[in-house]
Amino acid sequence: MKTALTIVFILICIATIVLVLMQEAKDNGLGSLAGSPAGETYWSKNKGRDKKVLLTTICIILFLGLALLISSKLMN
C-alpha cells in the first residue's frame, strides 16, 4: 500500500511542477507601466488561467494530504 501511495505521490509532484511552470506571470514587469495593447483586456488575458490555478490548488492539497499520510505512523 505504501509503495502505491508513493508512486501516486511522485506523479502528483510531477503534475504540480508542470502546472506551475505552465502558468504565466501575473504582471509584465516594466512593460505593464506603459499600458496593455488595445486587444488585451483583463478577461481575455486571464481566460485560461483559472483552470490552471484550480488544478494547481487541487494538486497541492493532494500533495500535502499524501505527504502526511505516507509519513504518519499509520502507514508503518
PDB file of N, CA and C in Angstrom:
ATOM      1  N   MET A   1       0.817  -1.194   0.000  1.00  0.00           N
ATOM      2  CA  MET A   1       0.000   0.000   0.000  1.00  0.00           C
ATOM      3  C   MET A   1       0.866   1.264   0.000  1.00  0.00           C
ATOM      4  N   LYS A   2       1.927   1.217   0.818  1.00  0.00           N
ATOM      5  CA  LYS A   2       2.790   2.386   0.908  1.00  0.00           C
ATOM      6  C   LYS A   2       3.498   2.636  -0.420  1.00  0.00           C
ATOM      7  N   THR A   3       3.846   1.579  -1.137  1.00  0.00           N
ATOM      8  CA  THR A   3       4.506   1.732  -2.431  1.00  0.00           C
ATOM      9  C   THR A   3       3.572   2.382  -3.445  1.00  0.00           C
ATOM     10  N   ALA A   4       2.326   1.955  -3.444  1.00  0.00           N
ATOM     11  CA  ALA A   4       1.352   2.535  -4.373  1.00  0.00           C
ATOM     12  C   ALA A   4       1.125   4.014  -4.073  1.00  0.00           C
ATOM     13  N   LEU A   5       1.029   4.360  -2.797  1.00  0.00           N
ATOM     14  CA  LEU A   5       0.848   5.766  -2.426  1.00  0.00           C
ATOM     15  C   LEU A   5       2.076   6.603  -2.778  1.00  0.00           C
ATOM     16  N   THR A   6       3.254   6.003  -2.662  1.00  0.00           N
ATOM     17  CA  THR A   6       4.472   6.722  -3.024  1.00  0.00           C
ATOM     18  C   THR A   6       4.522   6.996  -4.517  1.00  0.00           C
ATOM     19  N   ILE A   7       4.085   6.052  -5.324  1.00  0.00           N
ATOM     20  CA  ILE A   7       4.049   6.252  -6.783  1.00  0.00           C
ATOM     21  C   ILE A   7       3.053   7.343  -7.139  1.00  0.00           C
ATOM     22  N   VAL A   8       1.875   7.332  -6.518  1.00  0.00           N
ATOM     23  CA  VAL A   8       0.874   8.378  -6.757  1.00  0.00           C
ATOM     24  C   VAL A   8       1.415   9.729  -6.302  1.00  0.00           C
ATOM     25  N   PHE A   9       2.134   9.738  -5.181  1.00  0.00           N
ATOM     26  CA  PHE A   9       2.731  10.954  -4.652  1.00  0.00           C
ATOM     27  C   PHE A   9       3.735  11.544  -5.648  1.00  0.00           C
ATOM     28  N   ILE A  10       4.556  10.701  -6.239  1.00  0.00           N
ATOM     29  CA  ILE A  10       5.545  11.164  -7.232  1.00  0.00           C
ATOM     30  C   ILE A  10       4.841  11.721  -8.463  1.00  0.00           C
ATOM     31  N   LEU A  11       3.773  11.072  -8.906  1.00  0.00           N
ATOM     32  CA  LEU A  11       3.026  11.570 -10.067  1.00  0.00           C
ATOM     33  C   LEU A  11       2.381  12.926  -9.783  1.00  0.00           C
ATOM     34  N   ILE A  12       1.869  13.098  -8.571  1.00  0.00           N
ATOM     35  CA  ILE A  12       1.278  14.386  -8.197  1.00  0.00           C
ATOM     36  C   ILE A  12       2.361  15.461  -8.126  1.00  0.00           C
ATOM     37  N   CYS A  13       3.548  15.096  -7.639  1.00  0.00           N
ATOM     38  CA  CYS A  13       4.666  16.053  -7.604  1.00  0.00           C
ATOM     39  C   CYS A  13       5.023  16.527  -9.010  1.00  0.00           C
ATOM     40  N   ILE A  14       5.105  15.600  -9.941  1.00  0.00           N
ATOM     41  CA  ILE A  14       5.440  15.952 -11.327  1.00  0.00           C
ATOM     42  C   ILE A  14       4.338  16.817 -11.940  1.00  0.00           C
ATOM     43  N   ALA A  15       3.073  16.465 -11.685  1.00  0.00           N
ATOM     44  CA  ALA A  15       1.952  17.253 -12.215  1.00  0.00           C
ATOM     45  C   ALA A  15       1.962  18.669 -11.658  1.00  0.00           C
ATOM     46  N   THR A  16       2.274  18.803 -10.373  1.00  0.00           N
ATOM     47  CA  THR A  16       2.327  20.136  -9.759  1.00  0.00           C
ATOM     48  C   THR A  16       3.433  20.975 -10.374  1.00  0.00           C
ATOM     49  N   ILE A  17       4.589  20.378 -10.577  1.00  0.00           N
ATOM     50  CA  ILE A  17       5.710  21.103 -11.194  1.00  0.00           C
ATOM     51  C   ILE A  17       5.336  21.574 -12.588  1.00  0.00           C
ATOM     52  N   VAL A  18       4.736  20.690 -13.376  1.00  0.00           N
ATOM     53  CA  VAL A  18       4.350  21.047 -14.746  1.00  0.00           C
ATOM     54  C   VAL A  18       3.305  22.162 -14.747  1.00  0.00           C
ATOM     55  N   LEU A  19       2.319  22.068 -13.868  1.00  0.00           N
ATOM     56  CA  LEU A  19       1.277  23.093 -13.811  1.00  0.00           C
ATOM     57  C   LEU A  19       1.827  24.447 -13.397  1.00  0.00           C
ATOM     58  N   VAL A  20       2.745  24.465 -12.449  1.00  0.00           N
ATOM     59  CA  VAL A  20       3.327  25.737 -12.020  1.00  0.00           C
ATOM     60  C   VAL A  20       4.156  26.347 -13.146  1.00  0.00           C
ATOM     61  N   LEU A  21       4.898  25.526 -13.857  1.00  0.00           N
ATOM     62  CA  LEU A  21       5.714  26.043 -14.951  1.00  0.00           C
ATOM     63  C   LEU A  21       4.880  26.511 -16.136  1.00  0.00           C
ATOM     64  N   MET A  22       3.687  25.963 -16.311  1.00  0.00           N
ATOM     65  CA  MET A  22       2.821  26.364 -17.414  1.00  0.00           C
ATOM     66  C   MET A  22       2.143  27.712 -17.176  1.00  0.00           C
ATOM     67  N   GLN A  23       2.057  28.124 -15.911  1.00  0.00           N
ATOM     68  CA  GLN A  23       1.364  29.370 -15.605  1.00  0.00           C
ATOM     69  C   GLN A  23       2.219  30.564 -15.998  1.00  0.00           C
ATOM     70  N   GLU A  24       1.532  31.598 -16.461  1.00  0.00           N
ATOM     71  CA  GLU A  24       2.210  32.828 -16.843  1.00  0.00           C
ATOM     72  C   GLU A  24       2.320  33.733 -15.627  1.00  0.00           C
ATOM     73  N   ALA A  25       3.229  34.689 -15.707  1.00  0.00           N
ATOM     74  CA  ALA A  25       3.386  35.645 -14.620  1.00  0.00           C
ATOM     75  C   ALA A  25       2.149  36.532 -14.535  1.00  0.00           C
ATOM     76  N   LYS A  26       1.887  37.069 -13.354  1.00  0.00           N
ATOM     77  CA  LYS A  26       0.712  37.925 -13.166  1.00  0.00           C
ATOM     78  C   LYS A  26       0.905  39.304 -13.777  1.00  0.00           C
ATOM     79  N   ASP A  27       2.139  39.734 -13.914  1.00  0.00           N
ATOM     80  CA  ASP A  27       2.393  41.049 -14.490  1.00  0.00           C
ATOM     81  C   ASP A  27       3.454  40.936 -15.584  1.00  0.00           C
ATOM     82  N   ASN A  28       3.600  41.993 -16.339  1.00  0.00           N
ATOM     83  CA  ASN A  28       4.561  42.010 -17.426  1.00  0.00           C
ATOM     84  C   ASN A  28       5.810  42.799 -17.078  1.00  0.00           C
ATOM     85  N   GLY A  29       6.061  43.011 -15.811  1.00  0.00           N
ATOM     86  CA  GLY A  29       7.221  43.775 -15.401  1.00  0.00           C
ATOM     87  C   GLY A  29       7.061  45.246 -15.751  1.00  0.00           C
ATOM     88  N   LEU A  30       8.132  45.857 -16.239  1.00  0.00           N
ATOM     89  CA  LEU A  30       8.094  47.271 -16.572  1.00  0.00           C
ATOM     90  C   LEU A  30       7.232  47.550 -17.797  1.00  0.00           C
ATOM     91  N   GLY A  31       6.974  46.540 -18.623  1.00  0.00           N
ATOM     92  CA  GLY A  31       6.137  46.734 -19.793  1.00  0.00           C
ATOM     93  C   GLY A  31       4.702  47.067 -19.446  1.00  0.00           C
ATOM     94  N   SER A  32       4.262  46.701 -18.261  1.00  0.00           N
ATOM     95  CA  SER A  32       2.877  46.993 -17.872  1.00  0.00           C
ATOM     96  C   SER A  32       2.688  48.462 -17.487  1.00  0.00           C
ATOM     97  N   LEU A  33       3.777  49.195 -17.272  1.00  0.00           N
ATOM     98  CA  LEU A  33       3.649  50.611 -16.928  1.00  0.00           C
ATOM     99  C   LEU A  33       3.113  51.434 -18.088  1.00  0.00           C
ATOM    100  N   ALA A  34       3.447  51.041 -19.309  1.00  0.00           N
ATOM    101  CA  ALA A  34       3.024  51.779 -20.487  1.00  0.00           C
ATOM    102  C   ALA A  34       1.588  51.444 -20.875  1.00  0.00           C
ATOM    103  N   GLY A  35       1.013  50.436 -20.275  1.00  0.00           N
ATOM    104  CA  GLY A  35      -0.356  50.037 -20.618  1.00  0.00           C
ATOM    105  C   GLY A  35      -0.347  48.811 -21.501  1.00  0.00           C
ATOM    106  N   SER A  36      -1.451  48.127 -21.527  1.00  0.00           N
ATOM    107  CA  SER A  36      -1.528  46.917 -22.344  1.00  0.00           C
ATOM    108  C   SER A  36      -2.043  47.261 -23.735  1.00  0.00           C
ATOM    109  N   PRO A  37      -1.755  46.407 -24.718  1.00  0.00           N
ATOM    110  CA  PRO A  37      -2.274  46.645 -26.069  1.00  0.00           C
ATOM    111  C   PRO A  37      -3.799  46.668 -26.083  1.00  0.00           C
ATOM    112  N   ALA A  38      -4.360  47.282 -27.094  1.00  0.00           N
ATOM    113  CA  ALA A  38      -5.809  47.522 -27.155  1.00  0.00           C
ATOM    114  C   ALA A  38      -6.619  46.236 -27.139  1.00  0.00           C
ATOM    115  N   GLY A  39      -6.124  45.165 -27.734  1.00  0.00           N
ATOM    116  CA  GLY A  39      -6.890  43.925 -27.811  1.00  0.00           C
ATOM    117  C   GLY A  39      -6.873  43.108 -26.544  1.00  0.00           C
ATOM    118  N   GLU A  40      -6.010  43.433 -25.615  1.00  0.00           N
ATOM    119  CA  GLU A  40      -5.903  42.639 -24.408  1.00  0.00           C
ATOM    120  C   GLU A  40      -6.635  43.302 -23.252  1.00  0.00           C
ATOM    121  N   THR A  41      -7.642  42.613 -22.758  1.00  0.00           N
ATOM    122  CA  THR A  41      -8.342  43.086 -21.580  1.00  0.00           C
ATOM    123  C   THR A  41      -8.027  42.131 -20.440  1.00  0.00           C
ATOM    124  N   TYR A  42      -8.477  42.456 -19.257  1.00  0.00           N
ATOM    125  CA  TYR A  42      -8.254  41.591 -18.103  1.00  0.00           C
ATOM    126  C   TYR A  42      -8.854  40.216 -18.342  1.00  0.00           C
ATOM    127  N   TRP A  43     -10.052  40.171 -18.893  1.00  0.00           N
ATOM    128  CA  TRP A  43     -10.749  38.895 -19.075  1.00  0.00           C
ATOM    129  C   TRP A  43     -10.120  38.061 -20.164  1.00  0.00           C
ATOM    130  N   SER A  44      -9.618  38.676 -21.218  1.00  0.00           N
ATOM    131  CA  SER A  44      -9.016  37.892 -22.295  1.00  0.00           C
ATOM    132  C   SER A  44      -7.660  37.345 -21.884  1.00  0.00           C
ATOM    133  N   LYS A  45      -6.932  38.073 -21.042  1.00  0.00           N
ATOM    134  CA  LYS A  45      -5.619  37.608 -20.614  1.00  0.00           C
ATOM    135  C   LYS A  45      -5.724  36.481 -19.596  1.00  0.00           C
ATOM    136  N   ASN A  46      -6.741  36.474 -18.767  1.00  0.00           N
ATOM    137  CA  ASN A  46      -6.850  35.505 -17.688  1.00  0.00           C
ATOM    138  C   ASN A  46      -7.879  34.412 -17.949  1.00  0.00           C
ATOM    139  N   LYS A  47      -8.287  34.251 -19.194  1.00  0.00           N
ATOM    140  CA  LYS A  47      -9.348  33.303 -19.513  1.00  0.00           C
ATOM    141  C   LYS A  47      -8.960  31.862 -19.183  1.00  0.00           C
ATOM    142  N   GLY A  48      -7.811  31.404 -19.652  1.00  0.00           N
ATOM    143  CA  GLY A  48      -7.399  30.029 -19.414  1.00  0.00           C
ATOM    144  C   GLY A  48      -6.657  29.837 -18.115  1.00  0.00           C
ATOM    145  N   ARG A  49      -6.393  30.884 -17.426  1.00  0.00           N
ATOM    146  CA  ARG A  49      -5.577  30.817 -16.223  1.00  0.00           C
ATOM    147  C   ARG A  49      -6.335  30.218 -15.044  1.00  0.00           C
ATOM    148  N   ASP A  50      -7.640  30.403 -15.002  1.00  0.00           N
ATOM    149  CA  ASP A  50      -8.423  29.922 -13.871  1.00  0.00           C
ATOM    150  C   ASP A  50      -8.347  28.408 -13.720  1.00  0.00           C
ATOM    151  N   LYS A  51      -8.367  27.682 -14.826  1.00  0.00           N
ATOM    152  CA  LYS A  51      -8.304  26.219 -14.780  1.00  0.00           C
ATOM    153  C   LYS A  51      -6.953  25.756 -14.254  1.00  0.00           C
ATOM    154  N   LYS A  52      -5.890  26.413 -14.681  1.00  0.00           N
ATOM    155  CA  LYS A  52      -4.550  26.025 -14.221  1.00  0.00           C
ATOM    156  C   LYS A  52      -4.386  26.292 -12.733  1.00  0.00           C
ATOM    157  N   VAL A  53      -4.926  27.413 -12.279  1.00  0.00           N
ATOM    158  CA  VAL A  53      -4.832  27.747 -10.858  1.00  0.00           C
ATOM    159  C   VAL A  53      -5.622  26.741 -10.035  1.00  0.00           C
ATOM    160  N   LEU A  54      -6.805  26.361 -10.499  1.00  0.00           N
ATOM    161  CA  LEU A  54      -7.629  25.384  -9.789  1.00  0.00           C
ATOM    162  C   LEU A  54      -6.935  24.023  -9.745  1.00  0.00           C
ATOM    163  N   LEU A  55      -6.403  23.579 -10.877  1.00  0.00           N
ATOM    164  CA  LEU A  55      -5.706  22.291 -10.911  1.00  0.00           C
ATOM    165  C   LEU A  55      -4.460  22.307 -10.030  1.00  0.00           C
ATOM    166  N   THR A  56      -3.748  23.430 -10.014  1.00  0.00           N
ATOM    167  CA  THR A  56      -2.568  23.539  -9.159  1.00  0.00           C
ATOM    168  C   THR A  56      -2.962  23.467  -7.694  1.00  0.00           C
ATOM    169  N   THR A  57      -4.047  24.123  -7.324  1.00  0.00           N
ATOM    170  CA  THR A  57      -4.522  24.091  -5.941  1.00  0.00           C
ATOM    171  C   THR A  57      -4.915  22.674  -5.533  1.00  0.00           C
ATOM    172  N   ILE A  58      -5.599  21.971  -6.414  1.00  0.00           N
ATOM    173  CA  ILE A  58      -6.002  20.591  -6.126  1.00  0.00           C
ATOM    174  C   ILE A  58      -4.782  19.702  -5.971  1.00  0.00           C
ATOM    175  N   CYS A  59      -3.802  19.861  -6.853  1.00  0.00           N
ATOM    176  CA  CYS A  59      -2.583  19.051  -6.766  1.00  0.00           C
ATOM    177  C   CYS A  59      -1.821  19.317  -5.478  1.00  0.00           C
ATOM    178  N   ILE A  60      -1.766  20.567  -5.055  1.00  0.00           N
ATOM    179  CA  ILE A  60      -1.044  20.897  -3.823  1.00  0.00           C
ATOM    180  C   ILE A  60      -1.761  20.325  -2.603  1.00  0.00           C
ATOM    181  N   ILE A  61      -3.086  20.364  -2.599  1.00  0.00           N
ATOM    182  CA  ILE A  61      -3.842  19.781  -1.492  1.00  0.00           C
ATOM    183  C   ILE A  61      -3.622  18.273  -1.441  1.00  0.00           C
ATOM    184  N   LEU A  62      -3.659  17.603  -2.598  1.00  0.00           N
ATOM    185  CA  LEU A  62      -3.384  16.166  -2.650  1.00  0.00           C
ATOM    186  C   LEU A  62      -1.955  15.863  -2.214  1.00  0.00           C
ATOM    187  N   PHE A  63      -1.017  16.699  -2.638  1.00  0.00           N
ATOM    188  CA  PHE A  63       0.384  16.543  -2.266  1.00  0.00           C
ATOM    189  C   PHE A  63       0.541  16.587  -0.742  1.00  0.00           C
ATOM    190  N   LEU A  64      -0.043  17.594  -0.111  1.00  0.00           N
ATOM    191  CA  LEU A  64       0.076  17.722   1.344  1.00  0.00           C
ATOM    192  C   LEU A  64      -0.618  16.573   2.074  1.00  0.00           C
ATOM    193  N   GLY A  65      -1.781  16.190   1.596  1.00  0.00           N
ATOM    194  CA  GLY A  65      -2.502  15.082   2.218  1.00  0.00           C
ATOM    195  C   GLY A  65      -1.746  13.770   2.124  1.00  0.00           C
ATOM    196  N   LEU A  66      -1.212  13.475   0.945  1.00  0.00           N
ATOM    197  CA  LEU A  66      -0.452  12.238   0.783  1.00  0.00           C
ATOM    198  C   LEU A  66       0.855  12.275   1.562  1.00  0.00           C
ATOM    199  N   ALA A  67       1.501  13.440   1.627  1.00  0.00           N
ATOM    200  CA  ALA A  67       2.740  13.554   2.394  1.00  0.00           C
ATOM    201  C   ALA A  67       2.479  13.252   3.869  1.00  0.00           C
ATOM    202  N   LEU A  68       1.377  13.780   4.399  1.00  0.00           N
ATOM    203  CA  LEU A  68       1.030  13.498   5.791  1.00  0.00           C
ATOM    204  C   LEU A  68       0.667  12.033   5.992  1.00  0.00           C
ATOM    205  N   LEU A  69      -0.048  11.459   5.035  1.00  0.00           N
ATOM    206  CA  LEU A  69      -0.465  10.059   5.144  1.00  0.00           C
ATOM    207  C   LEU A  69       0.733   9.123   5.070  1.00  0.00           C
ATOM    208  N   ILE A  70       1.638   9.373   4.143  1.00  0.00           N
ATOM    209  CA  ILE A  70       2.798   8.498   3.981  1.00  0.00           C
ATOM    210  C   ILE A  70       3.725   8.593   5.190  1.00  0.00           C
ATOM    211  N   SER A  71       3.861   9.798   5.749  1.00  0.00           N
ATOM    212  CA  SER A  71       4.771   9.953   6.883  1.00  0.00           C
ATOM    213  C   SER A  71       4.146   9.609   8.231  1.00  0.00           C
ATOM    214  N   SER A  72       2.852   9.361   8.244  1.00  0.00           N
ATOM    215  CA  SER A  72       2.188   9.076   9.521  1.00  0.00           C
ATOM    216  C   SER A  72       2.565   7.692  10.033  1.00  0.00           C
ATOM    217  N   LYS A  73       2.319   7.473  11.291  1.00  0.00           N
ATOM    218  CA  LYS A  73       2.639   6.193  11.909  1.00  0.00           C
ATOM    219  C   LYS A  73       1.637   5.107  11.521  1.00  0.00           C
ATOM    220  N   LEU A  74       0.518   5.514  10.937  1.00  0.00           N
ATOM    221  CA  LEU A  74      -0.477   4.532  10.498  1.00  0.00           C
ATOM    222  C   LEU A  74       0.010   3.696   9.325  1.00  0.00           C
ATOM    223  N   MET A  75       0.900   4.285   8.515  1.00  0.00           N
ATOM    224  CA  MET A  75       1.388   3.574   7.327  1.00  0.00           C
ATOM    225  C   MET A  75       2.580   2.678   7.629  1.00  0.00           C
ATOM    226  N   ASN A  76       3.178   2.802   8.793  1.00  0.00           N
ATOM    227  CA  ASN A  76       4.369   1.988   9.122  1.00  0.00           C
ATOM    228  C   ASN A  76       4.002   0.607   9.565  1.00  0.00           C
TER     229      ASN A  76
END
